[in-house]
C-alpha atoms as a PDB file:
ATOM      1  CA  MET A   1      -4.372   4.820  -8.636  1.00  0.00           C
ATOM      2  CA  HIS A   2      -1.730   3.029  -6.629  1.00  0.00           C
ATOM      3  CA  LEU A   3      -1.130   4.455  -3.195  1.00  0.00           C
ATOM      4  CA  SER A   4       1.416   4.011  -0.434  1.00  0.00           C
ATOM      5  CA  ALA A   5       2.274   6.068   2.657  1.00  0.00           C
ATOM      6  CA  MET A   6       5.232   6.897   4.905  1.00  0.00           C
ATOM      7  CA  ARG A   7       6.513   8.770   7.942  1.00  0.00           C
ATOM      8  CA  GLY A   8      10.019   9.414   9.367  1.00  0.00           C
ATOM      9  CA  VAL A   9      12.664  12.080  10.113  1.00  0.00           C
ATOM     10  CA  THR A  10      15.711  13.828   8.554  1.00  0.00           C
ATOM     11  CA  PRO A  11      17.623  17.158   8.965  1.00  0.00           C
ATOM     12  CA  VAL A  12      16.923  20.565   7.295  1.00  0.00           C
ATOM     13  CA  THR A  13      19.338  23.127   5.833  1.00  0.00           C
ATOM     14  CA  ARG A  14      19.376  26.720   4.608  1.00  0.00           C
ATOM     15  CA  ASN A  15      22.484  28.845   5.134  1.00  0.00           C
ATOM     16  CA  CYS A  16      24.666  27.712   2.228  1.00  0.00           C
ATOM     17  CA  ARG A  17      22.422  29.489  -0.273  1.00  0.00           C
ATOM     18  CA  LYS A  18      21.905  32.556   1.863  1.00  0.00           C
ATOM     19  CA  ALA A  19      25.666  33.119   1.848  1.00  0.00           C
ATOM     20  CA  VAL A  20      25.668  33.740  -1.911  1.00  0.00           C
ATOM     21  CA  THR A  21      22.455  35.749  -2.349  1.00  0.00           C
ATOM     22  CA  ALA A  22      21.548  39.390  -2.032  1.00  0.00           C
ATOM     23  CA  ARG A  23      18.126  40.055  -0.526  1.00  0.00           C
ATOM     24  CA  ASN A  24      15.967  42.004  -2.962  1.00  0.00           C
ATOM     25  CA  VAL A  25      12.245  41.667  -2.362  1.00  0.00           C
ATOM     26  CA  GLY A  26      10.227  41.644  -5.584  1.00  0.00           C
ATOM     27  CA  ALA A  27       6.579  42.576  -6.079  1.00  0.00           C
ATOM     28  CA  SER A  28       5.453  39.025  -5.279  1.00  0.00           C
ATOM     29  CA  GLY A  29       7.156  39.059  -1.882  1.00  0.00           C
ATOM     30  CA  ARG A  30       9.779  36.532  -2.972  1.00  0.00           C
ATOM     31  CA  VAL A  31      13.365  37.525  -2.294  1.00  0.00           C
ATOM     32  CA  LEU A  32      15.250  37.742  -5.583  1.00  0.00           C
ATOM     33  CA  ARG A  33      18.954  37.150  -6.146  1.00  0.00           C
ATOM     34  CA  ALA A  34      21.138  39.983  -7.330  1.00  0.00           C
ATOM     35  CA  PRO A  35      22.621  39.346 -10.815  1.00  0.00           C
ATOM     36  CA  ILE A  36      25.842  37.309 -10.867  1.00  0.00           C
ATOM     37  CA  LYS A  37      28.443  39.753 -12.107  1.00  0.00           C
ATOM     38  CA  ASN A  38      31.596  37.668 -12.428  1.00  0.00           C
ATOM     39  CA  MET A  39      32.845  34.107 -12.778  1.00  0.00           C
ATOM     40  CA  ALA A  40      34.023  33.957  -9.159  1.00  0.00           C
ATOM     41  CA  GLN A  41      30.525  34.733  -7.930  1.00  0.00           C
ATOM     42  CA  LYS A  42      29.086  32.207 -10.350  1.00  0.00           C
ATOM     43  CA  SER A  43      31.437  29.522  -9.093  1.00  0.00           C
ATOM     44  CA  VAL A  44      30.458  30.157  -5.471  1.00  0.00           C
ATOM     45  CA  CYS A  45      26.774  30.185  -6.378  1.00  0.00           C
ATOM     46  CA  MET A  46      26.937  26.921  -8.291  1.00  0.00           C
ATOM     47  CA  SER A  47      28.827  25.180  -5.492  1.00  0.00           C
ATOM     48  CA  ALA A  48      26.139  26.224  -3.036  1.00  0.00           C
ATOM     49  CA  LEU A  49      23.420  24.687  -5.190  1.00  0.00           C
ATOM     50  CA  THR A  50      25.080  21.334  -5.932  1.00  0.00           C
ATOM     51  CA  ASP A  51      26.824  18.499  -4.132  1.00  0.00           C
ATOM     52  CA  GLU A  52      29.406  20.823  -2.608  1.00  0.00           C
ATOM     53  CA  CYS A  53      26.599  22.332  -0.544  1.00  0.00           C
ATOM     54  CA  ALA A  54      26.215  19.025   1.284  1.00  0.00           C
ATOM     55  CA  VAL A  55      29.933  18.975   2.048  1.00  0.00           C
ATOM     56  CA  GLU A  56      29.803  22.538   3.391  1.00  0.00           C
ATOM     57  CA  LEU A  57      26.868  21.653   5.619  1.00  0.00           C
ATOM     58  CA  GLU A  58      28.746  18.742   7.137  1.00  0.00           C
ATOM     59  CA  GLU A  59      31.442  21.210   8.197  1.00  0.00           C
ATOM     60  CA  LEU A  60      29.029  23.495  10.063  1.00  0.00           C
ATOM     61  CA  THR A  61      29.569  23.843  13.788  1.00  0.00           C
ATOM     62  CA  ASN A  62      26.791  22.792  16.142  1.00  0.00           C
ATOM     63  CA  ILE A  63      25.804  26.408  16.791  1.00  0.00           C
ATOM     64  CA  GLN A  64      25.641  27.095  13.048  1.00  0.00           C
ATOM     65  CA  LYS A  65      23.351  24.107  12.592  1.00  0.00           C
ATOM     66  CA  VAL A  66      21.091  25.418  15.352  1.00  0.00           C
ATOM     67  CA  VAL A  67      21.004  28.837  13.674  1.00  0.00           C
ATOM     68  CA  VAL A  68      19.990  27.195  10.386  1.00  0.00           C
ATOM     69  CA  LEU A  69      17.058  25.482  12.089  1.00  0.00           C
ATOM     70  CA  SER A  70      16.129  28.655  13.961  1.00  0.00           C
ATOM     71  CA  GLU A  71      16.003  30.695  10.754  1.00  0.00           C
ATOM     72  CA  ALA A  72      13.719  28.115   9.141  1.00  0.00           C
ATOM     73  CA  LEU A  73      11.276  28.217  12.070  1.00  0.00           C
ATOM     74  CA  PRO A  74       8.948  30.986  10.784  1.00  0.00           C
ATOM     75  CA  LEU A  75       8.373  29.152   7.505  1.00  0.00           C
ATOM     76  CA  LEU A  76       7.938  25.816   9.265  1.00  0.00           C
ATOM     77  CA  GLN A  77       5.310  27.432  11.467  1.00  0.00           C
ATOM     78  CA  LYS A  78       3.650  29.027   8.440  1.00  0.00           C
ATOM     79  CA  PHE A  79       3.186  25.683   6.663  1.00  0.00           C
ATOM     80  CA  ARG A  80       2.440  23.508   9.692  1.00  0.00           C
ATOM     81  CA  GLY A  81      -0.919  21.815   9.171  1.00  0.00           C
ATOM     82  CA  LYS A  82      -1.036  22.930   5.519  1.00  0.00           C
ATOM     83  CA  THR A  83      -1.140  20.509   2.569  1.00  0.00           C
ATOM     84  CA  ILE A  84       1.606  20.456  -0.057  1.00  0.00           C
ATOM     85  CA  VAL A  85       1.431  18.230  -3.148  1.00  0.00           C
ATOM     86  CA  VAL A  86       4.758  17.286  -4.732  1.00  0.00           C
ATOM     87  CA  LYS A  87       5.007  15.798  -8.215  1.00  0.00           C
ATOM     88  CA  TYR A  88       8.189  13.731  -8.293  1.00  0.00           C
ATOM     89  CA  GLY A  89       9.762  12.660 -11.578  1.00  0.00           C
ATOM     90  CA  GLY A  90      12.562  13.174 -14.073  1.00  0.00           C
ATOM     91  CA  ALA A  91      16.269  12.693 -13.404  1.00  0.00           C
ATOM     92  CA  ALA A  92      15.761  12.829  -9.640  1.00  0.00           C
ATOM     93  CA  MET A  93      14.194   9.377  -9.942  1.00  0.00           C
ATOM     94  CA  LYS A  94      17.251   7.893 -11.688  1.00  0.00           C
ATOM     95  CA  ASP A  95      20.005   8.918  -9.270  1.00  0.00           C
ATOM     96  CA  PRO A  96      19.759   6.754  -6.109  1.00  0.00           C
ATOM     97  CA  SER A  97      21.283   9.438  -3.872  1.00  0.00           C
ATOM     98  CA  LEU A  98      18.926  12.107  -5.215  1.00  0.00           C
ATOM     99  CA  LYS A  99      15.980   9.747  -4.778  1.00  0.00           C
ATOM    100  CA  ALA A 100      16.913   9.038  -1.170  1.00  0.00           C
ATOM    101  CA  GLY A 101      17.400  12.764  -0.531  1.00  0.00           C
ATOM    102  CA  VAL A 102      13.976  13.656  -1.941  1.00  0.00           C
ATOM    103  CA  ILE A 103      12.276  11.068   0.233  1.00  0.00           C
ATOM    104  CA  SER A 104      14.188  12.246   3.319  1.00  0.00           C
ATOM    105  CA  ASP A 105      13.240  15.874   2.692  1.00  0.00           C
ATOM    106  CA  ILE A 106       9.589  14.954   2.281  1.00  0.00           C
ATOM    107  CA  VAL A 107       9.626  12.882   5.457  1.00  0.00           C
ATOM    108  CA  LEU A 108      11.148  15.846   7.283  1.00  0.00           C
ATOM    109  CA  LEU A 109       8.322  18.116   6.197  1.00  0.00           C
ATOM    110  CA  SER A 110       5.793  15.553   7.375  1.00  0.00           C
ATOM    111  CA  THR A 111       7.594  15.143  10.694  1.00  0.00           C
ATOM    112  CA  VAL A 112       7.255  18.863  11.491  1.00  0.00           C
ATOM    113  CA  GLY A 113       3.534  18.809  10.747  1.00  0.00           C
ATOM    114  CA  ILE A 114       3.371  19.723   7.062  1.00  0.00           C
ATOM    115  CA  ARG A 115       0.906  17.509   5.200  1.00  0.00           C
ATOM    116  CA  VAL A 116       2.663  16.195   2.086  1.00  0.00           C
ATOM    117  CA  VAL A 117       1.207  14.133  -0.762  1.00  0.00           C
ATOM    118  CA  LEU A 118       3.770  12.642  -3.182  1.00  0.00           C
ATOM    119  CA  VAL A 119       2.613  11.975  -6.743  1.00  0.00           C
ATOM    120  CA  HIS A 120       5.210  10.245  -8.908  1.00  0.00           C
ATOM    121  CA  GLY A 121       5.783   9.722 -12.582  1.00  0.00           C
ATOM    122  CA  GLY A 122       8.325   7.371 -14.105  1.00  0.00           C
ATOM    123  CA  GLY A 123       9.235   8.841 -17.482  1.00  0.00           C
ATOM    124  CA  PRO A 124      12.935   7.884 -17.655  1.00  0.00           C
ATOM    125  CA  GLU A 125      12.361   4.300 -16.525  1.00  0.00           C
ATOM    126  CA  ILE A 126       9.295   3.939 -18.746  1.00  0.00           C
ATOM    127  CA  ASN A 127      11.352   5.000 -21.769  1.00  0.00           C
ATOM    128  CA  SER A 128      14.122   2.597 -20.785  1.00  0.00           C
ATOM    129  CA  TRP A 129      11.738  -0.356 -20.665  1.00  0.00           C
ATOM    130  CA  LEU A 130      10.025   0.674 -23.904  1.00  0.00           C
ATOM    131  CA  ALA A 131      13.441   0.620 -25.593  1.00  0.00           C
ATOM    132  CA  LYS A 132      14.085  -2.895 -24.244  1.00  0.00           C
ATOM    133  CA  VAL A 133      10.961  -4.194 -25.977  1.00  0.00           C
ATOM    134  CA  GLY A 134      11.468  -2.173 -29.153  1.00  0.00           C
ATOM    135  CA  ILE A 135       8.726   0.410 -28.685  1.00  0.00           C
ATOM    136  CA  VAL A 136       9.542   3.990 -29.697  1.00  0.00           C
ATOM    137  CA  PRO A 137       8.101   6.535 -27.201  1.00  0.00           C
ATOM    138  CA  GLU A 138       5.735   9.041 -28.781  1.00  0.00           C
ATOM    139  CA  PHE A 139       4.793  12.437 -27.371  1.00  0.00           C
ATOM    140  CA  LYS A 140       2.251  15.016 -28.495  1.00  0.00           C
ATOM    141  CA  ASN A 141       2.248  18.532 -27.032  1.00  0.00           C
ATOM    142  CA  GLY A 142       4.557  17.337 -24.278  1.00  0.00           C
ATOM    143  CA  LEU A 143       2.295  14.426 -23.256  1.00  0.00           C
ATOM    144  CA  ARG A 144       2.947  10.711 -23.778  1.00  0.00           C
ATOM    145  CA  VAL A 145       0.854   8.951 -26.408  1.00  0.00           C
ATOM    146  CA  THR A 146      -0.136   5.601 -24.853  1.00  0.00           C
ATOM    147  CA  ASP A 147      -1.330   2.631 -26.930  1.00  0.00           C
ATOM    148  CA  GLY A 148      -2.065  -0.857 -25.584  1.00  0.00           C
ATOM    149  CA  PRO A 149       1.507  -2.259 -25.528  1.00  0.00           C
ATOM    150  CA  THR A 150       2.860   1.000 -24.116  1.00  0.00           C
ATOM    151  CA  MET A 151       0.217   0.968 -21.376  1.00  0.00           C
ATOM    152  CA  ASP A 152       1.363  -2.497 -20.282  1.00  0.00           C
ATOM    153  CA  ILE A 153       4.876  -1.116 -19.752  1.00  0.00           C
ATOM    154  CA  VAL A 154       3.596   2.032 -18.043  1.00  0.00           C
ATOM    155  CA  GLU A 155       1.496   0.011 -15.605  1.00  0.00           C
ATOM    156  CA  MET A 156       4.394  -2.322 -14.799  1.00  0.00           C
ATOM    157  CA  VAL A 157       6.859   0.522 -14.235  1.00  0.00           C
ATOM    158  CA  LEU A 158       4.645   2.983 -12.332  1.00  0.00           C
ATOM    159  CA  GLY A 159       2.558   0.587 -10.276  1.00  0.00           C
ATOM    160  CA  GLY A 160       5.327  -1.946  -9.821  1.00  0.00           C
ATOM    161  CA  ARG A 161       8.972  -0.980 -10.035  1.00  0.00           C
ATOM    162  CA  VAL A 162       8.837   2.746  -9.239  1.00  0.00           C
ATOM    163  CA  ASN A 163       6.190   2.649  -6.522  1.00  0.00           C
ATOM    164  CA  LYS A 164       7.775  -0.362  -4.808  1.00  0.00           C
ATOM    165  CA  SER A 165      11.186   1.325  -4.973  1.00  0.00           C
ATOM    166  CA  LEU A 166       9.818   4.387  -3.203  1.00  0.00           C
ATOM    167  CA  VAL A 167       8.094   2.235  -0.610  1.00  0.00           C
ATOM    168  CA  SER A 168      11.391   0.408  -0.035  1.00  0.00           C
ATOM    169  CA  LEU A 169      13.145   3.721   0.603  1.00  0.00           C
ATOM    170  CA  ILE A 170      10.406   4.651   3.048  1.00  0.00           C
ATOM    171  CA  GLN A 171      10.896   1.404   4.922  1.00  0.00           C
ATOM    172  CA  GLN A 172      14.660   1.879   5.007  1.00  0.00           C
ATOM    173  CA  ALA A 173      14.053   5.271   6.609  1.00  0.00           C
ATOM    174  CA  GLY A 174      11.932   3.605   9.296  1.00  0.00           C
ATOM    175  CA  GLY A 175       8.654   4.780   7.773  1.00  0.00           C
ATOM    176  CA  LEU A 176       5.325   2.964   7.382  1.00  0.00           C
ATOM    177  CA  ALA A 177       4.035   1.719   3.998  1.00  0.00           C
ATOM    178  CA  MET A 178       0.450   0.910   3.033  1.00  0.00           C
ATOM    179  CA  THR A 179      -0.998  -1.410   0.417  1.00  0.00           C
ATOM    180  CA  GLU A 180      -2.439  -0.316  -2.907  1.00  0.00           C
ATOM    181  CA  ALA A 181      -5.669   1.684  -3.054  1.00  0.00           C
ATOM    182  CA  LYS A 182      -7.780   3.503  -5.638  1.00  0.00           C
ATOM    183  CA  ILE A 183      -8.795   7.144  -5.778  1.00  0.00           C
ATOM    184  CA  GLY A 184     -11.323   8.785  -8.050  1.00  0.00           C
ATOM    185  CA  PHE A 185      -9.597   9.324 -11.376  1.00  0.00           C
ATOM    186  CA  VAL A 186     -11.634   8.440 -14.475  1.00  0.00           C
ATOM    187  CA  GLY A 187     -10.240   8.994 -17.963  1.00  0.00           C
ATOM    188  CA  GLU A 188      -8.881  12.519 -18.249  1.00  0.00           C
ATOM    189  CA  VAL A 189      -9.306  13.234 -14.545  1.00  0.00           C
ATOM    190  CA  THR A 190     -12.972  14.115 -14.320  1.00  0.00           C
ATOM    191  CA  LYS A 191     -13.129  13.775 -10.547  1.00  0.00           C
ATOM    192  CA  VAL A 192     -10.865  13.317  -7.531  1.00  0.00           C
ATOM    193  CA  ASP A 193     -12.170  11.885  -4.276  1.00  0.00           C
ATOM    194  CA  PRO A 194      -9.628  13.157  -1.724  1.00  0.00           C
ATOM    195  CA  THR A 195     -11.142  11.383   1.287  1.00  0.00           C
ATOM    196  CA  ILE A 196      -8.488   8.712   1.758  1.00  0.00           C
ATOM    197  CA  LEU A 197      -5.680  11.215   1.187  1.00  0.00           C
ATOM    198  CA  GLN A 198      -7.145  13.575   3.775  1.00  0.00           C
ATOM    199  CA  LEU A 199      -7.356  10.774   6.339  1.00  0.00           C
ATOM    200  CA  LEU A 200      -3.750   9.724   5.723  1.00  0.00           C
ATOM    201  CA  VAL A 201      -2.168  13.178   5.935  1.00  0.00           C
ATOM    202  CA  LYS A 202      -4.239  13.987   9.010  1.00  0.00           C
ATOM    203  CA  ASP A 203      -2.608  10.995  10.734  1.00  0.00           C
ATOM    204  CA  GLY A 204       0.895  12.094   9.730  1.00  0.00           C
ATOM    205  CA  TYR A 205       1.366   9.841   6.705  1.00  0.00           C
ATOM    206  CA  VAL A 206       2.688  10.854   3.293  1.00  0.00           C
ATOM    207  CA  PRO A 207       0.580   9.188   0.568  1.00  0.00           C
ATOM    208  CA  VAL A 208       2.683   8.036  -2.396  1.00  0.00           C
ATOM    209  CA  VAL A 209       0.500   7.945  -5.510  1.00  0.00           C
ATOM    210  CA  ALA A 210       1.271   6.202  -8.817  1.00  0.00           C
ATOM    211  CA  THR A 211      -0.734   7.827 -11.602  1.00  0.00           C
ATOM    212  CA  ILE A 212      -2.487   4.817 -13.099  1.00  0.00           C
ATOM    213  CA  ALA A 213      -6.273   4.800 -13.354  1.00  0.00           C
ATOM    214  CA  THR A 214      -9.118   2.729 -14.799  1.00  0.00           C
ATOM    215  CA  ASP A 215     -11.853   4.022 -17.066  1.00  0.00           C
ATOM    216  CA  GLY A 216     -14.623   2.986 -14.659  1.00  0.00           C
ATOM    217  CA  ILE A 217     -16.419   1.066 -17.420  1.00  0.00           C
ATOM    218  CA  VAL A 218     -14.417  -1.939 -18.632  1.00  0.00           C
ATOM    219  CA  ASP A 219     -11.575  -1.667 -16.130  1.00  0.00           C
ATOM    220  CA  GLN A 220      -9.152  -0.530 -18.838  1.00  0.00           C
ATOM    221  CA  ALA A 221      -5.923   0.811 -17.325  1.00  0.00           C
ATOM    222  CA  LEU A 222      -5.138   4.423 -18.235  1.00  0.00           C
ATOM    223  CA  ASN A 223      -1.919   6.397 -18.021  1.00  0.00           C
ATOM    224  CA  ILE A 224      -2.520   9.754 -16.343  1.00  0.00           C
ATOM    225  CA  ASN A 225       0.121  12.448 -16.849  1.00  0.00           C
ATOM    226  CA  ALA A 226       1.740  12.906 -13.434  1.00  0.00           C
ATOM    227  CA  ASP A 227       1.759  16.714 -13.624  1.00  0.00           C
ATOM    228  CA  ILE A 228      -1.950  16.804 -14.425  1.00  0.00           C
ATOM    229  CA  ALA A 229      -2.741  14.229 -11.739  1.00  0.00           C
ATOM    230  CA  ALA A 230      -0.754  16.167  -9.126  1.00  0.00           C
ATOM    231  CA  GLY A 231      -2.525  19.381 -10.065  1.00  0.00           C
ATOM    232  CA  GLU A 232      -5.967  17.836  -9.759  1.00  0.00           C
ATOM    233  CA  ILE A 233      -5.085  16.211  -6.431  1.00  0.00           C
ATOM    234  CA  ALA A 234      -3.785  19.555  -5.153  1.00  0.00           C
ATOM    235  CA  ALA A 235      -7.010  21.239  -6.236  1.00  0.00           C
ATOM    236  CA  ALA A 236      -9.208  18.594  -4.594  1.00  0.00           C
ATOM    237  CA  LEU A 237      -7.238  18.945  -1.350  1.00  0.00           C
ATOM    238  CA  LYS A 238      -7.240  22.770  -1.555  1.00  0.00           C
ATOM    239  CA  ALA A 239      -3.496  22.522  -1.069  1.00  0.00           C
ATOM    240  CA  GLU A 240      -1.371  25.432   0.042  1.00  0.00           C
ATOM    241  CA  LYS A 241       1.214  24.567  -2.612  1.00  0.00           C
ATOM    242  CA  LEU A 242       1.795  22.384  -5.650  1.00  0.00           C
ATOM    243  CA  ILE A 243       5.447  21.639  -6.451  1.00  0.00           C
ATOM    244  CA  LEU A 244       6.468  20.157  -9.808  1.00  0.00           C
ATOM    245  CA  MET A 245       9.954  18.625  -9.811  1.00  0.00           C
ATOM    246  CA  THR A 246      11.503  18.783 -13.288  1.00  0.00           C
ATOM    247  CA  ASP A 247      14.845  18.569 -15.086  1.00  0.00           C
ATOM    248  CA  VAL A 248      15.120  22.335 -15.570  1.00  0.00           C
ATOM    249  CA  PRO A 249      15.854  25.122 -13.034  1.00  0.00           C
ATOM    250  CA  GLY A 250      12.446  26.723 -13.550  1.00  0.00           C
ATOM    251  CA  VAL A 251      10.850  28.855 -16.255  1.00  0.00           C
ATOM    252  CA  LEU A 252      13.614  30.385 -18.371  1.00  0.00           C
ATOM    253  CA  ARG A 253      13.244  33.367 -20.684  1.00  0.00           C
ATOM    254  CA  ASP A 254      16.071  31.855 -22.721  1.00  0.00           C
ATOM    255  CA  LYS A 255      15.938  28.054 -22.507  1.00  0.00           C
ATOM    256  CA  ASP A 256      19.715  27.871 -23.006  1.00  0.00           C
ATOM    257  CA  ASP A 257      20.616  30.398 -20.291  1.00  0.00           C
ATOM    258  CA  VAL A 258      19.966  29.444 -16.663  1.00  0.00           C
ATOM    259  CA  GLU A 259      20.572  33.041 -15.580  1.00  0.00           C
ATOM    260  CA  THR A 260      17.331  34.063 -17.340  1.00  0.00           C
ATOM    261  CA  LYS A 261      15.231  32.071 -14.863  1.00  0.00           C
ATOM    262  CA  MET A 262      12.101  33.937 -13.815  1.00  0.00           C
ATOM    263  CA  ARG A 263      11.667  33.494 -10.069  1.00  0.00           C
ATOM    264  CA  SER A 264       8.094  34.707  -9.764  1.00  0.00           C
ATOM    265  CA  LEU A 265       5.245  34.792 -12.279  1.00  0.00           C
ATOM    266  CA  GLN A 266       1.517  35.372 -12.234  1.00  0.00           C
ATOM    267  CA  ILE A 267      -1.076  33.637 -14.417  1.00  0.00           C
ATOM    268  CA  ARG A 268      -1.264  36.543 -16.849  1.00  0.00           C
ATOM    269  CA  ASP A 269       2.528  36.500 -17.232  1.00  0.00           C
ATOM    270  CA  CYS A 270       2.449  32.806 -18.097  1.00  0.00           C
ATOM    271  CA  ARG A 271      -0.209  33.287 -20.746  1.00  0.00           C
ATOM    272  CA  ASN A 272       1.763  36.126 -22.309  1.00  0.00           C
ATOM    273  CA  LEU A 273       4.956  34.048 -22.334  1.00  0.00           C
ATOM    274  CA  ILE A 274       3.138  31.171 -24.041  1.00  0.00           C
ATOM    275  CA  ALA A 275       1.764  33.553 -26.653  1.00  0.00           C
ATOM    276  CA  GLU A 276       5.285  34.901 -27.239  1.00  0.00           C
ATOM    277  CA  GLY A 277       6.685  31.387 -27.660  1.00  0.00           C
ATOM    278  CA  ILE A 278       9.012  31.749 -24.662  1.00  0.00           C
ATOM    279  CA  ILE A 279       7.169  29.037 -22.763  1.00  0.00           C
ATOM    280  CA  ALA A 280       6.993  26.174 -25.255  1.00  0.00           C
ATOM    281  CA  GLY A 281       7.185  22.412 -25.728  1.00  0.00           C
ATOM    282  CA  GLY A 282       6.961  20.245 -22.633  1.00  0.00           C
ATOM    283  CA  MET A 283       6.824  23.275 -20.341  1.00  0.00           C
ATOM    284  CA  ILE A 284       3.371  24.243 -21.651  1.00  0.00           C
ATOM    285  CA  PRO A 285       1.437  21.351 -20.029  1.00  0.00           C
ATOM    286  CA  LYS A 286       3.281  22.030 -16.757  1.00  0.00           C
ATOM    287  CA  ILE A 287       2.266  25.686 -16.850  1.00  0.00           C
ATOM    288  CA  ASP A 288      -1.292  24.766 -17.839  1.00  0.00           C
ATOM    289  CA  CYS A 289      -1.361  22.388 -14.854  1.00  0.00           C
ATOM    290  CA  CYS A 290      -0.230  25.196 -12.541  1.00  0.00           C
ATOM    291  CA  ILE A 291      -2.805  27.635 -13.921  1.00  0.00           C
ATOM    292  CA  ARG A 292      -5.620  25.103 -13.547  1.00  0.00           C
ATOM    293  CA  ALA A 293      -4.572  24.296  -9.987  1.00  0.00           C
ATOM    294  CA  LEU A 294      -4.432  27.980  -9.054  1.00  0.00           C
ATOM    295  CA  SER A 295      -7.847  28.600 -10.589  1.00  0.00           C
ATOM    296  CA  GLN A 296      -9.265  25.834  -8.374  1.00  0.00           C
ATOM    297  CA  GLY A 297      -7.972  27.243  -5.122  1.00  0.00           C
ATOM    298  CA  VAL A 298      -4.355  26.088  -4.728  1.00  0.00           C
ATOM    299  CA  GLY A 299      -2.384  28.822  -2.959  1.00  0.00           C
ATOM    300  CA  ALA A 300       0.788  28.803  -5.092  1.00  0.00           C
ATOM    301  CA  THR A 301       2.571  26.543  -7.555  1.00  0.00           C
ATOM    302  CA  HIS A 302       6.299  25.980  -8.002  1.00  0.00           C
ATOM    303  CA  ILE A 303       8.484  24.523 -10.755  1.00  0.00           C
ATOM    304  CA  ILE A 304      11.860  23.402  -9.403  1.00  0.00           C
ATOM    305  CA  ASP A 305      14.900  21.416 -10.511  1.00  0.00           C
ATOM    306  CA  GLY A 306      14.832  17.941  -8.971  1.00  0.00           C
ATOM    307  CA  ARG A 307      18.491  17.442  -9.894  1.00  0.00           C
ATOM    308  CA  SER A 308      19.571  19.916  -7.207  1.00  0.00           C
ATOM    309  CA  ARG A 309      19.930  18.501  -3.724  1.00  0.00           C
ATOM    310  CA  HIS A 310      17.324  19.619  -1.186  1.00  0.00           C
ATOM    311  CA  SER A 311      15.504  21.678  -3.839  1.00  0.00           C
ATOM    312  CA  ILE A 312      12.146  21.086  -2.121  1.00  0.00           C
ATOM    313  CA  LEU A 313      13.450  22.393   1.210  1.00  0.00           C
ATOM    314  CA  MET A 314      15.238  25.296  -0.470  1.00  0.00           C
ATOM    315  CA  GLU A 315      12.057  26.316  -2.270  1.00  0.00           C
ATOM    316  CA  LEU A 316       9.822  26.060   0.792  1.00  0.00           C
ATOM    317  CA  LEU A 317      12.081  27.027   3.684  1.00  0.00           C
ATOM    318  CA  THR A 318      14.051  29.964   2.261  1.00  0.00           C
ATOM    319  CA  ASN A 319      12.688  33.313   1.171  1.00  0.00           C
ATOM    320  CA  GLU A 320      14.814  33.228  -1.985  1.00  0.00           C
ATOM    321  CA  GLY A 321      13.654  29.860  -3.300  1.00  0.00           C
ATOM    322  CA  VAL A 322      15.410  27.978  -6.086  1.00  0.00           C
ATOM    323  CA  GLY A 323      12.808  27.666  -8.839  1.00  0.00           C
ATOM    324  CA  THR A 324       9.893  29.578 -10.345  1.00  0.00           C
ATOM    325  CA  MET A 325       6.867  30.381  -8.182  1.00  0.00           C
ATOM    326  CA  ILE A 326       3.561  30.943  -9.988  1.00  0.00           C
ATOM    327  CA  THR A 327       0.628  32.645  -8.278  1.00  0.00           C
ATOM    328  CA  GLY A 328      -2.794  33.853  -9.287  1.00  0.00           C
END
């Protein structure tokens, strides 16, 4: 796989969401939001979770900013020295401002001593380049079907354009980038050698991994699903958390109603929801990835919406969270 690394600094936020939530601790320990009862509440809630949140934060007084940081301290202390694997993909890779924000948030976590590994896909850009050369993308059970011509595009996009773009953002932020390396993926991820990743995060770097592998026999390039790769890396590192960034708010009971998002699930809940057909389509491999990671020792897994600004920080550094947390 292709690998790069970074380090740097950026600010952290919290209060804008707290202002529109009611604290209701569920069985999992996660603080749940009270139901939104009217359109006025909904409007306030949505503004706190989108671009308007950034505007509100800019208007905070200095003392309010200090309070925000102070309130985040217990969670920062909790995760300091722990490993978190983030799978980065979807729409958050297409919007330049979202991309820059994701990188900044990850660098922040690294700066305060949280060991972050970033595993990236490139689905939207891969599909764009396939269309340019007249290849129709094909998916089976939510996973890309990759033939020879498609693999050429995948390798160019993931190992070239996307990875280099992320490295460029790292450099713009004053971070350090490393040259390409290989880690132990063979075929359908039979083994992960985490040694180089462990050395990098120990020294304060954030490895940036493009999910391209070789078969170990004839040096044939292989496309590894980024969710699966991130899950296996998290398991090999015995990570505290695995975070999957997606284009949906989390696991929804009704896929067309964001208010049906389930904030906390256990493995048995996920299996029941799959059997009921509530979890379906492309969400199934993501859930399977989470279950496999949990069964191999990862502390908790999270599915969050990468289209929302600071969603990684909101999920990690607030008790309420913004996505769906899955535990064993």
